[in-house]
Amino acid sequence: MSQFLSTSKVAADHRLDYWNNILQSALPGMSVTADKAINAQCKSRDIGNVRVMCLSSQRALVKRWQTTAPDPENKRTIAHLQSRGTSLVFDDDRISLINSGDLSISETNSPYAINISDQNVAIIMDFPPEFLNVPIPAGRELMASSESIKRLHDFALFILDDDSIELLDEENPEECILGVFSTLLGKSVDNENRTECTDLLDCYRIFEFVENAIQDSALRTNAIARHLSMSPRQVQRIFAMLGMTPSQFILTRRVNLAASMLRSSFFDGTMTDVAMDCGFSDAAHFCRTFRRIFGVTPIEYANFQRHRGRPLSEV
């Protein structure tokens, strides 16, 4: 389960102290200077040795290791992905402006300060240095907005959403999730973002197989790997480059296929028919999943689409 904490639950005079306690607990050495009645929120989840957080805050000055010395035995790396607003980072006599969509990544055992704008939202990923699959230069590395960073942003929000993460259906969910984060972080840091021809061929092979086997409710990573003579890890790595797990992709294809069926003027079946045709194990599972993704039940969706297709005099 993700953890959600908000200063709105605390008396106005104590909000800044409360927010400092939250950040210092999650990110040792952190301190905040801001209005006493600051409005701020933190949603976080730990996956193995990686912590993923979404921090939203009013204007503030955030400092790290300004009043306490860093722990040399507890080396960590931090990735700061700006979701909304801007952040001005001061470290090692350098100033970096992080705009919405940018990613900053660095070792965290050196002092720095961040002046964040009002209505600021950032995704923070805290992990051991060996987690990243490519080396990062000394100091703070800043990457401008890219497709890999966008996928990293969206996957982080997916993981922080309890309703969404329940939809994952992997044999080794934690390992699979960490694989996606590691791959996307690596592609974001590696400015060349190389994609091997073999990866593209494997993508085509996997997508073709999934499309042909989508009605099989037992379709999983291992089934894909066995059919294509690949390892499960290799299958997961291919999907990780796209910013998702295999089960996310399969589920998305099934729900989109179901939506297409429900939009069709020729469809006259039941929800059980749709569920079976799209590879869901039962109608109840299909209806729950559909509602979580589309925000309405399949029947409500079908009725809405049916009314859209009628002349105004018939609606």
Protein backbone atom coordinates (compact mmCIF):
# COMPACT_ATOMS: atom_id res chain seq x y z
CA MET A 1 0.00 0.00 0.00
CA SER A 2 1.16 3.53 -0.69
CA GLN A 3 1.32 6.01 2.20
CA PHE A 4 -0.39 9.38 1.95
CA LEU A 5 0.43 12.26 4.33
CA SER A 6 -0.87 15.83 4.16
CA THR A 7 -0.34 18.99 6.19
CA SER A 8 -4.05 19.76 5.81
CA LYS A 9 -4.70 17.35 8.68
CA VAL A 10 -2.60 19.46 11.05
CA ALA A 11 -3.29 22.80 12.72
CA ALA A 12 -1.97 25.69 10.61
CA ASP A 13 0.71 26.75 13.14
CA HIS A 14 2.23 23.26 13.18
CA ARG A 15 2.15 22.41 9.48
CA LEU A 16 5.73 23.40 8.66
CA ASP A 17 7.12 21.33 11.55
CA TYR A 18 4.96 18.40 10.46
CA TRP A 19 6.17 18.71 6.85
CA ASN A 20 9.79 18.83 7.99
CA ASN A 21 9.30 15.66 10.01
CA ILE A 22 7.80 13.89 6.99
CA LEU A 23 10.68 14.83 4.68
CA GLN A 24 13.42 14.15 7.24
CA SER A 25 11.98 10.70 7.84
CA ALA A 26 11.84 9.90 4.12
CA LEU A 27 15.03 11.73 3.07
CA PRO A 28 17.52 12.15 5.94
CA GLY A 29 19.20 15.56 6.15
CA MET A 30 16.31 17.39 4.49
CA SER A 31 14.85 20.62 5.90
CA VAL A 32 12.26 23.10 4.61
CA THR A 33 11.87 26.85 5.07
CA ALA A 34 8.39 28.04 4.14
CA ASP A 35 5.20 29.61 5.44
CA LYS A 36 4.14 28.05 8.75
CA ALA A 37 0.75 27.15 7.31
CA ILE A 38 2.27 25.45 4.25
CA ASN A 39 -0.05 23.27 2.19
CA ALA A 40 1.90 20.15 1.16
CA GLN A 41 1.33 16.46 0.49
CA CYS A 42 3.44 13.34 0.16
CA LYS A 43 2.43 10.03 -1.39
CA SER A 44 5.06 7.30 -1.22
CA ARG A 45 5.66 3.61 -1.74
CA ASP A 46 8.68 1.42 -1.06
CA ILE A 47 9.46 -1.29 -3.61
CA GLY A 48 12.42 -3.33 -2.42
CA ASN A 49 15.26 -0.86 -1.80
CA VAL A 50 13.68 1.87 -3.95
CA ARG A 51 11.43 4.60 -2.57
CA VAL A 52 9.05 6.38 -4.96
CA MET A 53 7.38 9.61 -3.84
CA CYS A 54 5.12 12.27 -5.27
CA LEU A 55 5.60 15.54 -3.39
CA SER A 56 3.33 18.54 -3.88
CA SER A 57 3.96 21.80 -2.09
CA GLN A 58 3.52 25.54 -2.02
CA ARG A 59 6.58 27.77 -2.53
CA ALA A 60 9.47 26.74 -0.27
CA LEU A 61 13.25 26.54 0.12
CA VAL A 62 14.37 22.94 0.56
CA LYS A 63 17.88 22.22 1.88
CA ARG A 64 19.78 18.98 2.39
CA TRP A 65 22.80 18.37 4.60
CA GLN A 66 22.94 22.03 5.61
CA THR A 67 22.72 21.42 9.37
CA THR A 68 23.82 17.78 9.65
CA ALA A 69 26.62 15.80 8.02
CA PRO A 70 25.71 13.09 5.49
CA ASP A 71 26.16 9.45 6.45
CA PRO A 72 29.05 8.08 4.33
CA GLU A 73 27.88 4.52 4.97
CA ASN A 74 24.41 5.18 3.58
CA LYS A 75 25.10 6.24 0.00
CA ARG A 76 21.99 6.81 -2.06
CA THR A 77 21.11 8.32 -5.41
CA ILE A 78 18.11 10.57 -5.91
CA ALA A 79 16.18 11.29 -9.10
CA HIS A 80 14.06 14.46 -9.15
CA LEU A 81 11.45 14.48 -11.92
CA GLN A 82 9.58 17.76 -12.19
CA SER A 83 5.87 17.14 -12.79
CA ARG A 84 4.51 20.68 -12.37
CA GLY A 85 6.11 24.04 -11.68
CA THR A 86 9.86 24.70 -11.56
CA SER A 87 12.73 24.03 -9.17
CA LEU A 88 15.95 26.04 -8.93
CA VAL A 89 18.76 23.81 -7.64
CA PHE A 90 21.93 25.17 -6.00
CA ASP A 91 24.90 22.82 -5.48
CA ASP A 92 28.68 22.90 -5.91
CA ASP A 93 28.59 26.56 -6.98
CA ARG A 94 26.22 25.68 -9.83
CA ILE A 95 22.62 26.62 -10.46
CA SER A 96 20.25 24.37 -12.43
CA LEU A 97 16.70 25.22 -13.43
CA ILE A 98 14.44 22.15 -13.58
CA ASN A 99 11.33 22.73 -15.66
CA SER A 100 8.23 20.55 -15.93
CA GLY A 101 9.22 17.31 -17.66
CA ASP A 102 12.93 17.54 -16.73
CA LEU A 103 14.85 14.98 -14.69
CA SER A 104 17.74 15.70 -12.34
CA ILE A 105 19.76 12.83 -10.90
CA SER A 106 22.67 12.88 -8.46
CA GLU A 107 24.38 11.30 -5.50
CA THR A 108 22.86 12.63 -2.29
CA ASN A 109 25.86 12.81 0.04
CA SER A 110 26.70 16.41 -0.85
CA PRO A 111 24.84 19.54 0.31
CA TYR A 112 22.36 21.20 -2.02
CA ALA A 113 19.33 23.49 -1.90
CA ILE A 114 16.20 23.69 -4.04
CA ASN A 115 14.00 26.74 -4.38
CA ILE A 116 10.64 25.36 -5.52
CA SER A 117 7.87 27.35 -7.17
CA ASP A 118 4.31 27.61 -5.95
CA GLN A 119 1.96 24.70 -6.74
CA ASN A 120 5.03 22.50 -7.20
CA VAL A 121 4.70 18.77 -7.92
CA ALA A 122 7.72 16.46 -8.21
CA ILE A 123 8.33 12.73 -8.47
CA ILE A 124 11.25 11.67 -6.28
CA MET A 125 12.99 8.29 -6.60
CA ASP A 126 15.54 7.37 -3.94
CA PHE A 127 17.71 4.27 -4.55
CA PRO A 128 21.19 2.79 -4.05
CA PRO A 129 23.78 3.77 -6.70
CA GLU A 130 24.11 0.20 -8.01
CA PHE A 131 20.40 0.17 -8.95
CA LEU A 132 21.04 2.40 -11.96
CA ASN A 133 22.23 0.34 -14.93
CA VAL A 134 24.37 3.14 -16.44
CA PRO A 135 27.02 5.32 -14.75
CA ILE A 136 26.18 8.93 -13.95
CA PRO A 137 28.79 11.70 -14.05
CA ALA A 138 30.05 13.26 -10.85
CA GLY A 139 27.79 15.99 -9.53
CA ARG A 140 24.25 16.61 -10.66
CA GLU A 141 23.16 15.42 -14.08
CA LEU A 142 20.17 17.19 -15.65
CA MET A 143 18.21 15.63 -18.52
CA ALA A 144 15.68 17.61 -20.53
CA SER A 145 12.21 16.25 -21.16
CA SER A 146 12.19 13.12 -23.35
CA GLU A 147 9.94 10.17 -24.14
CA SER A 148 11.80 7.99 -21.63
CA ILE A 149 11.33 10.60 -18.89
CA LYS A 150 7.63 10.89 -19.70
CA ARG A 151 7.28 7.11 -19.42
CA LEU A 152 9.19 7.16 -16.14
CA HIS A 153 6.83 9.85 -14.81
CA ASP A 154 3.69 7.95 -15.83
CA PHE A 155 4.94 4.63 -14.46
CA ALA A 156 5.79 6.24 -11.10
CA LEU A 157 2.24 7.62 -10.82
CA PHE A 158 0.87 4.20 -11.79
CA ILE A 159 2.84 2.55 -8.98
CA LEU A 160 1.66 5.13 -6.44
CA ASP A 161 -1.99 4.48 -7.37
CA ASP A 162 -3.26 1.63 -5.18
CA ASP A 163 -6.16 0.90 -7.52
CA SER A 164 -3.85 0.66 -10.52
CA ILE A 165 -1.15 -1.47 -8.95
CA GLU A 166 -3.74 -4.03 -7.91
CA LEU A 167 -4.25 -4.66 -11.62
CA LEU A 168 -0.70 -6.02 -11.97
CA ASP A 169 -0.67 -9.77 -12.53
CA GLU A 170 2.98 -10.83 -12.54
CA GLU A 171 4.71 -13.92 -11.21
CA ASN A 172 7.36 -11.65 -9.59
CA PRO A 173 5.73 -8.20 -9.30
CA GLU A 174 8.43 -6.48 -7.21
CA GLU A 175 11.27 -7.61 -9.48
CA CYS A 176 9.25 -6.63 -12.55
CA ILE A 177 8.45 -3.14 -11.19
CA LEU A 178 12.08 -2.51 -10.23
CA GLY A 179 13.14 -3.65 -13.70
CA VAL A 180 10.92 -1.01 -15.32
CA PHE A 181 12.30 1.76 -13.08
CA SER A 182 15.91 0.69 -13.66
CA THR A 183 15.46 0.51 -17.44
CA LEU A 184 13.66 3.86 -17.75
CA LEU A 185 16.14 5.64 -15.48
CA GLY A 186 19.00 4.20 -17.52
CA LYS A 187 17.43 5.28 -20.82
CA SER A 188 16.77 8.76 -19.42
CA VAL A 189 20.39 9.20 -18.28
CA ASP A 190 21.87 7.70 -21.46
CA ASN A 191 21.49 10.62 -23.86
CA GLU A 192 21.98 8.39 -26.90
CA ASN A 193 18.99 6.22 -25.91
CA ARG A 194 20.20 3.41 -28.13
CA THR A 195 17.71 0.74 -29.18
CA GLU A 196 19.16 -2.45 -30.62
CA CYS A 197 17.63 -3.94 -33.78
CA THR A 198 17.14 -7.20 -31.90
CA ASP A 199 15.01 -5.33 -29.33
CA LEU A 200 12.75 -3.99 -32.07
CA LEU A 201 12.39 -7.46 -33.61
CA ASP A 202 11.56 -8.93 -30.21
CA CYS A 203 8.97 -6.16 -29.70
CA TYR A 204 7.22 -7.03 -32.95
CA ARG A 205 7.28 -10.74 -32.13
CA ILE A 206 5.88 -10.18 -28.63
CA PHE A 207 3.15 -7.78 -29.76
CA GLU A 208 2.06 -10.11 -32.55
CA PHE A 209 1.86 -13.06 -30.16
CA VAL A 210 -0.10 -11.08 -27.55
CA GLU A 211 -2.59 -9.89 -30.16
CA ASN A 212 -3.16 -13.46 -31.36
CA ALA A 213 -3.40 -14.90 -27.83
CA ILE A 214 -5.33 -12.09 -26.13
CA GLN A 215 -8.38 -14.31 -25.55
CA ASP A 216 -6.31 -16.73 -23.45
CA SER A 217 -6.96 -15.81 -19.81
CA ALA A 218 -3.72 -17.63 -18.86
CA LEU A 219 -1.60 -15.26 -20.95
CA ARG A 220 1.30 -14.18 -18.75
CA THR A 221 4.99 -13.30 -19.01
CA ASN A 222 6.04 -16.95 -18.77
CA ALA A 223 3.63 -17.97 -21.54
CA ILE A 224 5.05 -15.29 -23.85
CA ALA A 225 8.60 -16.33 -23.01
CA ARG A 226 7.93 -20.04 -23.63
CA HIS A 227 6.18 -19.48 -26.95
CA LEU A 228 8.91 -17.17 -28.29
CA SER A 229 11.86 -19.08 -26.78
CA MET A 230 12.87 -16.10 -24.67
CA SER A 231 13.57 -15.77 -20.96
CA PRO A 232 10.91 -14.12 -18.74
CA ARG A 233 13.46 -11.44 -17.81
CA GLN A 234 14.02 -10.68 -21.50
CA VAL A 235 10.27 -10.25 -22.03
CA GLN A 236 10.05 -7.95 -19.02
CA ARG A 237 13.02 -5.90 -20.27
CA ILE A 238 11.32 -5.31 -23.63
CA PHE A 239 8.20 -3.99 -21.93
CA ALA A 240 10.28 -1.99 -19.43
CA MET A 241 11.69 0.03 -22.33
CA LEU A 242 8.09 1.04 -23.07
CA GLY A 243 7.53 2.03 -19.45
CA MET A 244 5.24 -0.80 -18.42
CA THR A 245 5.08 -4.38 -17.21
CA PRO A 246 3.84 -7.21 -19.46
CA SER A 247 0.62 -7.49 -17.45
CA GLN A 248 -0.03 -3.74 -17.87
CA PHE A 249 0.24 -4.08 -21.63
CA ILE A 250 -1.94 -7.20 -21.78
CA LEU A 251 -4.58 -5.62 -19.55
CA THR A 252 -4.59 -2.41 -21.59
CA ARG A 253 -5.06 -4.36 -24.81
CA ARG A 254 -7.91 -6.39 -23.30
CA VAL A 255 -9.77 -3.36 -21.98
CA ASN A 256 -9.31 -1.43 -25.23
CA LEU A 257 -10.56 -4.44 -27.18
CA ALA A 258 -13.60 -4.63 -24.89
CA ALA A 259 -14.27 -0.90 -25.38
CA SER A 260 -14.08 -1.39 -29.14
CA MET A 261 -16.61 -4.20 -28.95
CA LEU A 262 -18.96 -2.13 -26.79
CA ARG A 263 -18.76 0.76 -29.28
CA SER A 264 -19.68 -1.47 -32.20
CA SER A 265 -23.21 -1.09 -33.56
CA PHE A 266 -23.16 -4.82 -34.35
CA PHE A 267 -22.56 -5.97 -30.78
CA ASP A 268 -25.57 -7.54 -29.08
CA GLY A 269 -23.88 -9.88 -26.57
CA THR A 270 -23.63 -9.90 -22.78
CA MET A 271 -20.85 -8.67 -20.47
CA THR A 272 -19.85 -12.31 -20.02
CA ASP A 273 -19.41 -12.62 -23.79
CA VAL A 274 -17.20 -9.52 -23.83
CA ALA A 275 -15.17 -10.78 -20.87
CA MET A 276 -14.53 -14.18 -22.47
CA ASP A 277 -13.75 -12.72 -25.90
CA CYS A 278 -11.19 -10.36 -24.37
CA GLY A 279 -9.41 -12.91 -22.17
CA PHE A 280 -10.82 -12.05 -18.75
CA SER A 281 -11.34 -14.97 -16.38
CA ASP A 282 -14.90 -13.87 -15.53
CA ALA A 283 -17.37 -11.04 -16.03
CA ALA A 284 -16.93 -9.65 -12.49
CA HIS A 285 -13.17 -9.25 -12.97
CA PHE A 286 -13.77 -7.62 -16.34
CA CYS A 287 -16.31 -5.13 -14.95
CA ARG A 288 -14.05 -4.14 -12.01
CA THR A 289 -11.04 -3.64 -14.28
CA PHE A 290 -13.01 -1.71 -16.90
CA ARG A 291 -14.43 0.65 -14.29
CA ARG A 292 -11.02 1.35 -12.75
CA ILE A 293 -9.56 2.28 -16.12
CA PHE A 294 -12.48 4.08 -17.78
CA GLY A 295 -14.25 5.39 -14.66
CA VAL A 296 -17.60 3.86 -15.68
CA THR A 297 -19.00 0.34 -15.87
CA PRO A 298 -19.04 -1.47 -19.23
CA ILE A 299 -22.84 -1.12 -19.38
CA GLU A 300 -22.66 2.63 -18.71
CA TYR A 301 -19.97 2.94 -21.37
CA ALA A 302 -22.01 0.98 -23.90
CA ASN A 303 -25.15 3.03 -23.20
CA PHE A 304 -23.22 6.29 -23.56
CA GLN A 305 -21.73 5.20 -26.87
CA ARG A 306 -25.12 4.05 -28.11
CA HIS A 307 -26.71 7.41 -27.27
CA ARG A 308 -23.87 9.28 -28.97
CA GLY A 309 -24.69 7.53 -32.22
CA ARG A 310 -28.36 8.50 -32.21
CA PRO A 311 -29.88 11.65 -33.70
CA LEU A 312 -30.66 14.27 -31.03
CA SER A 313 -34.41 13.65 -31.48
CA GLU A 314 -33.94 10.03 -30.38
CA VAL A 315 -31.82 10.64 -27.29
